[in-house]
Amino acid sequence: MEGGRSLGLIARSVLKEMHMDPSESEMPQHEMNEPAETQEAAEEGPTVPPFYKRMVDVFFNPGALVEALAAKPVFGAAVLAGVVLIAVQMALIPVEVFMEIQREAILESGNELPEISDTIVQVTKIATPIFAAISTALFTFIFAGVYTLIFAFILGDEGRYRQYLSVTAHAWLIPLFFGLLITPLRISTGNPQLTMNLGSFMFFLEDGYLLNVFKAFDLTQIWASLVIAQGATAIDSRRSFGSAAAFIIGLLLVVALIAARFMP
């Protein structure tokens, strides 16, 4: 494997030399004698691991991962994996669970329960995972834009949208993966929106807005937010982890305060 990597590095070095300026070719003899791998590593910095390793690193070695993503931002595979994870979750949940939620909402509003045809059931079964996949992809791009706005434009950090998008897309794999793991629990409880949240620990609170705020605080989203905070620090080393975490968790709190207004 090391041999293959070296061959790849050498091949890239050759391609670089083919596009090199004549003035750049006149380098000192001691630099020309340096190993190609050493020169390439110095030029390229941290290398981005393959995607399967990135999926592991986001859980167990996020610091090294975000350093690599800040240097060489990639996001396509991560966004696609997130889309697949959420689509599989929604496809596994029986359509009857979603239909029952709609029935309860209609009855609570005081309206009569309409007759639901088989066509509507089948359309709901197909549309739910598609809508979830599209919305997850869109929110990934939107939140990356919000992070770019906060850190790069408002706070003056040195960072590009692509870097924040890369970190966000990988960090969001954490809640999406755990969401897939608890899908059987969602099916058994008949609650497709069930999450591992802070509300589970607030058993002493009565039902109401405050408890809903804690329910909106998904523990895996907090985990992902801390990884994104590490990414913000990797993108601009002047940004401390503590301040980055404060801004991102603060944004998560704002989302929770809004979401709690619409929770039953």
C-alpha atoms as a PDB file:
ATOM      1  CA  MET A   1       0.000   0.000   0.000  1.00  0.00           C
ATOM      2  CA  GLU A   2       2.880   2.351   0.788  1.00  0.00           C
ATOM      3  CA  GLY A   3       4.375   1.516  -2.593  1.00  0.00           C
ATOM      4  CA  GLY A   4       1.148   2.438  -4.347  1.00  0.00           C
ATOM      5  CA  ARG A   5       0.965   5.686  -2.420  1.00  0.00           C
ATOM      6  CA  SER A   6       4.546   6.536  -3.331  1.00  0.00           C
ATOM      7  CA  LEU A   7       3.863   5.826  -7.004  1.00  0.00           C
ATOM      8  CA  GLY A   8       0.837   8.104  -6.836  1.00  0.00           C
ATOM      9  CA  LEU A   9       2.870  10.860  -5.213  1.00  0.00           C
ATOM     10  CA  ILE A  10       5.597  10.516  -7.781  1.00  0.00           C
ATOM     11  CA  ALA A  11       3.080  10.565 -10.631  1.00  0.00           C
ATOM     12  CA  ARG A  12       1.542  13.764  -9.298  1.00  0.00           C
ATOM     13  CA  SER A  13       5.013  15.261  -8.925  1.00  0.00           C
ATOM     14  CA  VAL A  14       5.783  14.470 -12.548  1.00  0.00           C
ATOM     15  CA  LEU A  15       2.529  16.053 -13.682  1.00  0.00           C
ATOM     16  CA  LYS A  16       3.333  19.134 -11.628  1.00  0.00           C
ATOM     17  CA  GLU A  17       6.780  19.401 -13.167  1.00  0.00           C
ATOM     18  CA  MET A  18       5.267  19.216 -16.656  1.00  0.00           C
ATOM     19  CA  HIS A  19       3.325  22.411 -15.863  1.00  0.00           C
ATOM     20  CA  MET A  20       6.155  24.134 -14.013  1.00  0.00           C
ATOM     21  CA  ASP A  21       7.597  27.514 -14.845  1.00  0.00           C
ATOM     22  CA  PRO A  22      11.165  27.449 -16.346  1.00  0.00           C
ATOM     23  CA  SER A  23      12.298  29.672 -13.471  1.00  0.00           C
ATOM     24  CA  GLU A  24      10.912  27.122 -10.957  1.00  0.00           C
ATOM     25  CA  SER A  25      13.033  24.366 -12.458  1.00  0.00           C
ATOM     26  CA  GLU A  26      16.214  26.144 -11.406  1.00  0.00           C
ATOM     27  CA  MET A  27      16.222  24.953  -7.805  1.00  0.00           C
ATOM     28  CA  PRO A  28      19.233  24.249  -5.624  1.00  0.00           C
ATOM     29  CA  GLN A  29      20.795  20.819  -6.039  1.00  0.00           C
ATOM     30  CA  HIS A  30      20.094  19.810  -2.414  1.00  0.00           C
ATOM     31  CA  GLU A  31      16.347  20.452  -2.945  1.00  0.00           C
ATOM     32  CA  MET A  32      16.380  18.385  -6.140  1.00  0.00           C
ATOM     33  CA  ASN A  33      17.905  15.504  -4.229  1.00  0.00           C
ATOM     34  CA  GLU A  34      15.150  15.470  -1.588  1.00  0.00           C
ATOM     35  CA  PRO A  35      12.792  12.494  -1.808  1.00  0.00           C
ATOM     36  CA  ALA A  36       9.738  13.169  -3.939  1.00  0.00           C
ATOM     37  CA  GLU A  37       7.403  12.085  -1.126  1.00  0.00           C
ATOM     38  CA  THR A  38       8.940  14.593   1.290  1.00  0.00           C
ATOM     39  CA  GLN A  39       8.593  17.451  -1.203  1.00  0.00           C
ATOM     40  CA  GLU A  40       5.021  16.458  -2.011  1.00  0.00           C
ATOM     41  CA  ALA A  41       4.005  16.230   1.642  1.00  0.00           C
ATOM     42  CA  ALA A  42       5.480  19.655   2.313  1.00  0.00           C
ATOM     43  CA  GLU A  43       3.557  21.130  -0.618  1.00  0.00           C
ATOM     44  CA  GLU A  44       0.217  19.428  -0.034  1.00  0.00           C
ATOM     45  CA  GLY A  45      -0.043  19.358   3.765  1.00  0.00           C
ATOM     46  CA  PRO A  46      -2.540  16.993   5.428  1.00  0.00           C
ATOM     47  CA  THR A  47      -4.053  14.417   3.125  1.00  0.00           C
ATOM     48  CA  VAL A  48      -7.782  13.709   3.174  1.00  0.00           C
ATOM     49  CA  PRO A  49      -8.394  10.056   4.126  1.00  0.00           C
ATOM     50  CA  PRO A  50     -10.725   7.895   2.029  1.00  0.00           C
ATOM     51  CA  PHE A  51     -14.400   8.245   2.821  1.00  0.00           C
ATOM     52  CA  TYR A  52     -14.796   5.015   4.792  1.00  0.00           C
ATOM     53  CA  LYS A  53     -12.052   6.219   7.147  1.00  0.00           C
ATOM     54  CA  ARG A  54     -13.638   9.662   7.388  1.00  0.00           C
ATOM     55  CA  MET A  55     -16.872   8.022   8.556  1.00  0.00           C
ATOM     56  CA  VAL A  56     -14.915   6.377  11.378  1.00  0.00           C
ATOM     57  CA  ASP A  57     -12.793   9.429  12.176  1.00  0.00           C
ATOM     58  CA  VAL A  58     -15.785  11.732  12.615  1.00  0.00           C
ATOM     59  CA  PHE A  59     -16.693   9.632  15.677  1.00  0.00           C
ATOM     60  CA  PHE A  60     -13.297   8.586  17.028  1.00  0.00           C
ATOM     61  CA  ASN A  61     -10.736  11.057  15.662  1.00  0.00           C
ATOM     62  CA  PRO A  62     -12.579  14.264  14.741  1.00  0.00           C
ATOM     63  CA  GLY A  63      -9.607  16.533  15.437  1.00  0.00           C
ATOM     64  CA  ALA A  64      -7.419  14.966  12.768  1.00  0.00           C
ATOM     65  CA  LEU A  65     -10.360  14.767  10.360  1.00  0.00           C
ATOM     66  CA  VAL A  66     -11.288  18.442  10.547  1.00  0.00           C
ATOM     67  CA  GLU A  67      -7.637  19.438  10.170  1.00  0.00           C
ATOM     68  CA  ALA A  68      -7.527  17.496   6.897  1.00  0.00           C
ATOM     69  CA  LEU A  69     -10.902  18.866   5.745  1.00  0.00           C
ATOM     70  CA  ALA A  70      -9.869  22.439   6.520  1.00  0.00           C
ATOM     71  CA  ALA A  71      -6.764  21.999   4.357  1.00  0.00           C
ATOM     72  CA  LYS A  72      -8.550  20.133   1.550  1.00  0.00           C
ATOM     73  CA  PRO A  73     -12.330  20.503   1.829  1.00  0.00           C
ATOM     74  CA  VAL A  74     -14.399  17.717   0.283  1.00  0.00           C
ATOM     75  CA  PHE A  75     -18.109  17.216   0.874  1.00  0.00           C
ATOM     76  CA  GLY A  76     -19.794  15.294  -1.974  1.00  0.00           C
ATOM     77  CA  ALA A  77     -19.563  11.794  -0.492  1.00  0.00           C
ATOM     78  CA  ALA A  78     -20.547  13.025   2.979  1.00  0.00           C
ATOM     79  CA  VAL A  79     -23.658  14.830   1.687  1.00  0.00           C
ATOM     80  CA  LEU A  80     -24.627  11.758  -0.338  1.00  0.00           C
ATOM     81  CA  ALA A  81     -24.124   9.467   2.661  1.00  0.00           C
ATOM     82  CA  GLY A  82     -26.297  11.752   4.789  1.00  0.00           C
ATOM     83  CA  VAL A  83     -29.024  11.698   2.153  1.00  0.00           C
ATOM     84  CA  VAL A  84     -28.921   7.896   2.007  1.00  0.00           C
ATOM     85  CA  LEU A  85     -28.987   7.543   5.816  1.00  0.00           C
ATOM     86  CA  ILE A  86     -32.073   9.728   6.265  1.00  0.00           C
ATOM     87  CA  ALA A  87     -33.859   8.179   3.271  1.00  0.00           C
ATOM     88  CA  VAL A  88     -33.302   4.665   4.637  1.00  0.00           C
ATOM     89  CA  GLN A  89     -34.602   5.735   8.057  1.00  0.00           C
ATOM     90  CA  MET A  90     -37.822   7.124   6.603  1.00  0.00           C
ATOM     91  CA  ALA A  91     -38.275   4.170   4.256  1.00  0.00           C
ATOM     92  CA  LEU A  92     -37.980   1.676   7.143  1.00  0.00           C
ATOM     93  CA  ILE A  93     -40.705   3.354   9.193  1.00  0.00           C
ATOM     94  CA  PRO A  94     -44.125   1.960   8.135  1.00  0.00           C
ATOM     95  CA  VAL A  95     -46.282   4.483   6.324  1.00  0.00           C
ATOM     96  CA  GLU A  96     -49.085   3.739   8.808  1.00  0.00           C
ATOM     97  CA  VAL A  97     -47.059   5.544  11.498  1.00  0.00           C
ATOM     98  CA  PHE A  98     -47.037   8.757   9.443  1.00  0.00           C
ATOM     99  CA  MET A  99     -50.703   8.385   8.521  1.00  0.00           C
ATOM    100  CA  GLU A 100     -51.670   7.970  12.179  1.00  0.00           C
ATOM    101  CA  ILE A 101     -49.831  11.199  13.059  1.00  0.00           C
ATOM    102  CA  GLN A 102     -51.768  12.993  10.320  1.00  0.00           C
ATOM    103  CA  ARG A 103     -55.054  11.568  11.612  1.00  0.00           C
ATOM    104  CA  GLU A 104     -54.321  12.745  15.169  1.00  0.00           C
ATOM    105  CA  ALA A 105     -53.400  16.223  13.928  1.00  0.00           C
ATOM    106  CA  ILE A 106     -56.658  16.468  11.963  1.00  0.00           C
ATOM    107  CA  LEU A 107     -58.760  15.301  14.936  1.00  0.00           C
ATOM    108  CA  GLU A 108     -57.004  17.737  17.313  1.00  0.00           C
ATOM    109  CA  SER A 109     -57.771  20.605  14.949  1.00  0.00           C
ATOM    110  CA  GLY A 110     -61.485  19.718  15.210  1.00  0.00           C
ATOM    111  CA  ASN A 111     -61.880  18.783  11.555  1.00  0.00           C
ATOM    112  CA  GLU A 112     -63.551  15.678  10.226  1.00  0.00           C
ATOM    113  CA  LEU A 113     -61.319  12.803   9.277  1.00  0.00           C
ATOM    114  CA  PRO A 114     -61.288  12.488   5.477  1.00  0.00           C
ATOM    115  CA  GLU A 115     -61.212   9.163   3.718  1.00  0.00           C
ATOM    116  CA  ILE A 116     -57.637   8.238   2.824  1.00  0.00           C
ATOM    117  CA  SER A 117     -57.298   6.276  -0.383  1.00  0.00           C
ATOM    118  CA  ASP A 118     -54.662   3.673  -1.148  1.00  0.00           C
ATOM    119  CA  THR A 119     -53.172   6.074  -3.698  1.00  0.00           C
ATOM    120  CA  ILE A 120     -52.505   8.684  -1.003  1.00  0.00           C
ATOM    121  CA  VAL A 121     -50.928   6.019   1.201  1.00  0.00           C
ATOM    122  CA  GLN A 122     -48.610   4.900  -1.586  1.00  0.00           C
ATOM    123  CA  VAL A 123     -47.681   8.481  -2.506  1.00  0.00           C
ATOM    124  CA  THR A 124     -46.893   9.211   1.157  1.00  0.00           C
ATOM    125  CA  LYS A 125     -44.752   6.073   1.358  1.00  0.00           C
ATOM    126  CA  ILE A 126     -42.657   7.192  -1.630  1.00  0.00           C
ATOM    127  CA  ALA A 127     -42.635  10.937  -0.965  1.00  0.00           C
ATOM    128  CA  THR A 128     -41.587  10.805   2.710  1.00  0.00           C
ATOM    129  CA  PRO A 129     -38.030   9.461   2.214  1.00  0.00           C
ATOM    130  CA  ILE A 130     -37.541  11.634  -0.890  1.00  0.00           C
ATOM    131  CA  PHE A 131     -38.625  14.788   0.930  1.00  0.00           C
ATOM    132  CA  ALA A 132     -36.455  13.884   3.941  1.00  0.00           C
ATOM    133  CA  ALA A 133     -33.427  13.332   1.697  1.00  0.00           C
ATOM    134  CA  ILE A 134     -33.875  16.613  -0.183  1.00  0.00           C
ATOM    135  CA  SER A 135     -34.466  18.635   2.988  1.00  0.00           C
ATOM    136  CA  THR A 136     -31.409  17.109   4.696  1.00  0.00           C
ATOM    137  CA  ALA A 137     -29.193  18.018   1.747  1.00  0.00           C
ATOM    138  CA  LEU A 138     -30.614  21.558   1.620  1.00  0.00           C
ATOM    139  CA  PHE A 139     -30.176  22.109   5.365  1.00  0.00           C
ATOM    140  CA  THR A 140     -26.566  20.933   5.120  1.00  0.00           C
ATOM    141  CA  PHE A 141     -25.817  23.659   2.569  1.00  0.00           C
ATOM    142  CA  ILE A 142     -27.905  26.263   4.429  1.00  0.00           C
ATOM    143  CA  PHE A 143     -26.295  25.684   7.826  1.00  0.00           C
ATOM    144  CA  ALA A 144     -22.833  25.702   6.249  1.00  0.00           C
ATOM    145  CA  GLY A 145     -23.752  29.112   4.857  1.00  0.00           C
ATOM    146  CA  VAL A 146     -24.889  30.277   8.300  1.00  0.00           C
ATOM    147  CA  TYR A 147     -21.579  29.131   9.845  1.00  0.00           C
ATOM    148  CA  THR A 148     -19.683  30.928   7.078  1.00  0.00           C
ATOM    149  CA  LEU A 149     -21.718  34.076   7.720  1.00  0.00           C
ATOM    150  CA  ILE A 150     -21.040  33.942  11.472  1.00  0.00           C
ATOM    151  CA  PHE A 151     -17.360  33.074  11.458  1.00  0.00           C
ATOM    152  CA  ALA A 152     -16.000  34.426   8.160  1.00  0.00           C
ATOM    153  CA  PHE A 153     -18.119  37.549   7.667  1.00  0.00           C
ATOM    154  CA  ILE A 154     -19.315  38.677  11.099  1.00  0.00           C
ATOM    155  CA  LEU A 155     -16.386  37.522  13.258  1.00  0.00           C
ATOM    156  CA  GLY A 156     -13.725  38.009  10.568  1.00  0.00           C
ATOM    157  CA  ASP A 157     -12.224  34.503  10.577  1.00  0.00           C
ATOM    158  CA  GLU A 158     -10.234  33.281   7.597  1.00  0.00           C
ATOM    159  CA  GLY A 159     -12.448  30.643   6.060  1.00  0.00           C
ATOM    160  CA  ARG A 160     -14.330  29.793   2.893  1.00  0.00           C
ATOM    161  CA  TYR A 161     -17.840  28.407   2.435  1.00  0.00           C
ATOM    162  CA  ARG A 162     -16.446  25.177   1.004  1.00  0.00           C
ATOM    163  CA  GLN A 163     -14.445  24.538   4.200  1.00  0.00           C
ATOM    164  CA  TYR A 164     -17.441  25.021   6.501  1.00  0.00           C
ATOM    165  CA  LEU A 165     -19.583  22.914   4.160  1.00  0.00           C
ATOM    166  CA  SER A 166     -17.037  20.102   4.257  1.00  0.00           C
ATOM    167  CA  VAL A 167     -16.910  20.081   8.063  1.00  0.00           C
ATOM    168  CA  THR A 168     -20.704  20.390   8.420  1.00  0.00           C
ATOM    169  CA  ALA A 169     -21.461  17.569   5.970  1.00  0.00           C
ATOM    170  CA  HIS A 170     -19.166  15.187   7.848  1.00  0.00           C
ATOM    171  CA  ALA A 171     -20.278  16.255  11.347  1.00  0.00           C
ATOM    172  CA  TRP A 172     -23.942  15.731  10.483  1.00  0.00           C
ATOM    173  CA  LEU A 173     -23.226  12.064   9.792  1.00  0.00           C
ATOM    174  CA  ILE A 174     -23.198  11.622  13.593  1.00  0.00           C
ATOM    175  CA  PRO A 175     -26.913  12.353  14.249  1.00  0.00           C
ATOM    176  CA  LEU A 176     -27.929  10.718  10.973  1.00  0.00           C
ATOM    177  CA  PHE A 177     -26.105   7.500  11.867  1.00  0.00           C
ATOM    178  CA  PHE A 178     -27.587   7.373  15.367  1.00  0.00           C
ATOM    179  CA  GLY A 179     -30.977   8.159  13.881  1.00  0.00           C
ATOM    180  CA  LEU A 180     -30.708   4.986  11.836  1.00  0.00           C
ATOM    181  CA  LEU A 181     -29.728   3.003  14.950  1.00  0.00           C
ATOM    182  CA  ILE A 182     -32.824   4.081  16.881  1.00  0.00           C
ATOM    183  CA  THR A 183     -35.215   3.545  13.963  1.00  0.00           C
ATOM    184  CA  PRO A 184     -36.552   0.282  15.519  1.00  0.00           C
ATOM    185  CA  LEU A 185     -37.396   2.275  18.663  1.00  0.00           C
ATOM    186  CA  ARG A 186     -39.172   4.893  16.570  1.00  0.00           C
ATOM    187  CA  ILE A 187     -41.252   2.165  14.950  1.00  0.00           C
ATOM    188  CA  SER A 188     -42.142   0.474  18.249  1.00  0.00           C
ATOM    189  CA  THR A 189     -43.182   3.788  19.884  1.00  0.00           C
ATOM    190  CA  GLY A 190     -44.968   5.071  16.795  1.00  0.00           C
ATOM    191  CA  ASN A 191     -42.928   8.278  16.977  1.00  0.00           C
ATOM    192  CA  PRO A 192     -40.778   8.894  13.850  1.00  0.00           C
ATOM    193  CA  GLN A 193     -39.395  12.085  15.431  1.00  0.00           C
ATOM    194  CA  LEU A 194     -37.994  10.313  18.498  1.00  0.00           C
ATOM    195  CA  THR A 195     -34.433  11.395  19.317  1.00  0.00           C
ATOM    196  CA  MET A 196     -31.867  11.006  22.086  1.00  0.00           C
ATOM    197  CA  ASN A 197     -32.468  14.390  23.694  1.00  0.00           C
ATOM    198  CA  LEU A 198     -31.972  16.324  26.909  1.00  0.00           C
ATOM    199  CA  GLY A 199     -35.685  16.099  27.647  1.00  0.00           C
ATOM    200  CA  SER A 200     -35.203  12.459  28.628  1.00  0.00           C
ATOM    201  CA  PHE A 201     -33.307  13.667  31.717  1.00  0.00           C
ATOM    202  CA  MET A 202     -35.835  16.383  32.633  1.00  0.00           C
ATOM    203  CA  PHE A 203     -38.425  13.997  34.076  1.00  0.00           C
ATOM    204  CA  PHE A 204     -39.178  16.498  36.867  1.00  0.00           C
ATOM    205  CA  LEU A 205     -40.510  19.087  34.394  1.00  0.00           C
ATOM    206  CA  GLU A 206     -44.173  19.260  33.481  1.00  0.00           C
ATOM    207  CA  ASP A 207     -45.287  19.059  29.878  1.00  0.00           C
ATOM    208  CA  GLY A 208     -44.971  22.420  28.236  1.00  0.00           C
ATOM    209  CA  TYR A 209     -42.739  24.780  26.299  1.00  0.00           C
ATOM    210  CA  LEU A 210     -39.686  24.458  28.573  1.00  0.00           C
ATOM    211  CA  LEU A 211     -39.702  20.670  28.369  1.00  0.00           C
ATOM    212  CA  ASN A 212     -40.122  20.918  24.590  1.00  0.00           C
ATOM    213  CA  VAL A 213     -36.983  23.077  24.405  1.00  0.00           C
ATOM    214  CA  PHE A 214     -34.990  20.347  26.125  1.00  0.00           C
ATOM    215  CA  LYS A 215     -36.601  17.726  23.867  1.00  0.00           C
ATOM    216  CA  ALA A 216     -35.433  19.727  20.846  1.00  0.00           C
ATOM    217  CA  PHE A 217     -31.838  19.490  22.112  1.00  0.00           C
ATOM    218  CA  ASP A 218     -30.716  16.267  20.434  1.00  0.00           C
ATOM    219  CA  LEU A 219     -27.584  14.918  22.158  1.00  0.00           C
ATOM    220  CA  THR A 220     -26.124  13.751  18.850  1.00  0.00           C
ATOM    221  CA  GLN A 221     -26.693  17.222  17.379  1.00  0.00           C
ATOM    222  CA  ILE A 222     -24.739  18.681  20.295  1.00  0.00           C
ATOM    223  CA  TRP A 223     -21.963  16.181  19.537  1.00  0.00           C
ATOM    224  CA  ALA A 224     -21.990  17.213  15.872  1.00  0.00           C
ATOM    225  CA  SER A 225     -21.932  20.891  16.870  1.00  0.00           C
ATOM    226  CA  LEU A 226     -18.784  20.339  18.926  1.00  0.00           C
ATOM    227  CA  VAL A 227     -17.129  18.669  15.923  1.00  0.00           C
ATOM    228  CA  ILE A 228     -18.080  21.677  13.797  1.00  0.00           C
ATOM    229  CA  ALA A 229     -16.564  23.912  16.490  1.00  0.00           C
ATOM    230  CA  GLN A 230     -13.339  21.910  16.149  1.00  0.00           C
ATOM    231  CA  GLY A 231     -13.583  22.503  12.417  1.00  0.00           C
ATOM    232  CA  ALA A 232     -13.937  26.258  12.895  1.00  0.00           C
ATOM    233  CA  THR A 233     -10.754  26.189  14.989  1.00  0.00           C
ATOM    234  CA  ALA A 234      -8.959  24.132  12.319  1.00  0.00           C
ATOM    235  CA  ILE A 235     -10.075  26.543   9.588  1.00  0.00           C
ATOM    236  CA  ASP A 236      -8.724  29.544  11.510  1.00  0.00           C
ATOM    237  CA  SER A 237      -6.367  28.754  14.383  1.00  0.00           C
ATOM    238  CA  ARG A 238      -7.074  32.151  15.947  1.00  0.00           C
ATOM    239  CA  ARG A 239     -10.585  30.944  16.769  1.00  0.00           C
ATOM    240  CA  SER A 240     -10.567  29.099  20.089  1.00  0.00           C
ATOM    241  CA  PHE A 241     -12.605  25.937  20.472  1.00  0.00           C
ATOM    242  CA  GLY A 242     -14.523  27.414  23.402  1.00  0.00           C
ATOM    243  CA  SER A 243     -15.697  30.497  21.531  1.00  0.00           C
ATOM    244  CA  ALA A 244     -16.574  28.478  18.416  1.00  0.00           C
ATOM    245  CA  ALA A 245     -18.561  25.993  20.514  1.00  0.00           C
ATOM    246  CA  ALA A 246     -20.390  28.859  22.263  1.00  0.00           C
ATOM    247  CA  PHE A 247     -21.533  30.369  18.954  1.00  0.00           C
ATOM    248  CA  ILE A 248     -22.591  27.031  17.442  1.00  0.00           C
ATOM    249  CA  ILE A 249     -24.382  25.744  20.552  1.00  0.00           C
ATOM    250  CA  GLY A 250     -26.012  29.173  20.800  1.00  0.00           C
ATOM    251  CA  LEU A 251     -27.325  28.734  17.262  1.00  0.00           C
ATOM    252  CA  LEU A 252     -28.578  25.267  18.214  1.00  0.00           C
ATOM    253  CA  LEU A 253     -30.397  26.847  21.175  1.00  0.00           C
ATOM    254  CA  VAL A 254     -32.107  29.341  18.882  1.00  0.00           C
ATOM    255  CA  VAL A 255     -33.290  26.479  16.648  1.00  0.00           C
ATOM    256  CA  ALA A 256     -34.537  24.565  19.722  1.00  0.00           C
ATOM    257  CA  LEU A 257     -36.451  27.613  20.998  1.00  0.00           C
ATOM    258  CA  ILE A 258     -38.192  27.953  17.639  1.00  0.00           C
ATOM    259  CA  ALA A 259     -38.836  24.212  17.179  1.00  0.00           C
ATOM    260  CA  ALA A 260     -40.318  23.924  20.686  1.00  0.00           C
ATOM    261  CA  ARG A 261     -43.151  26.278  19.672  1.00  0.00           C
ATOM    262  CA  PHE A 262     -44.386  23.730  17.146  1.00  0.00           C
ATOM    263  CA  MET A 263     -44.003  20.586  19.259  1.00  0.00           C
ATOM    264  CA  PRO A 264     -47.157  18.988  20.737  1.00  0.00           C
END
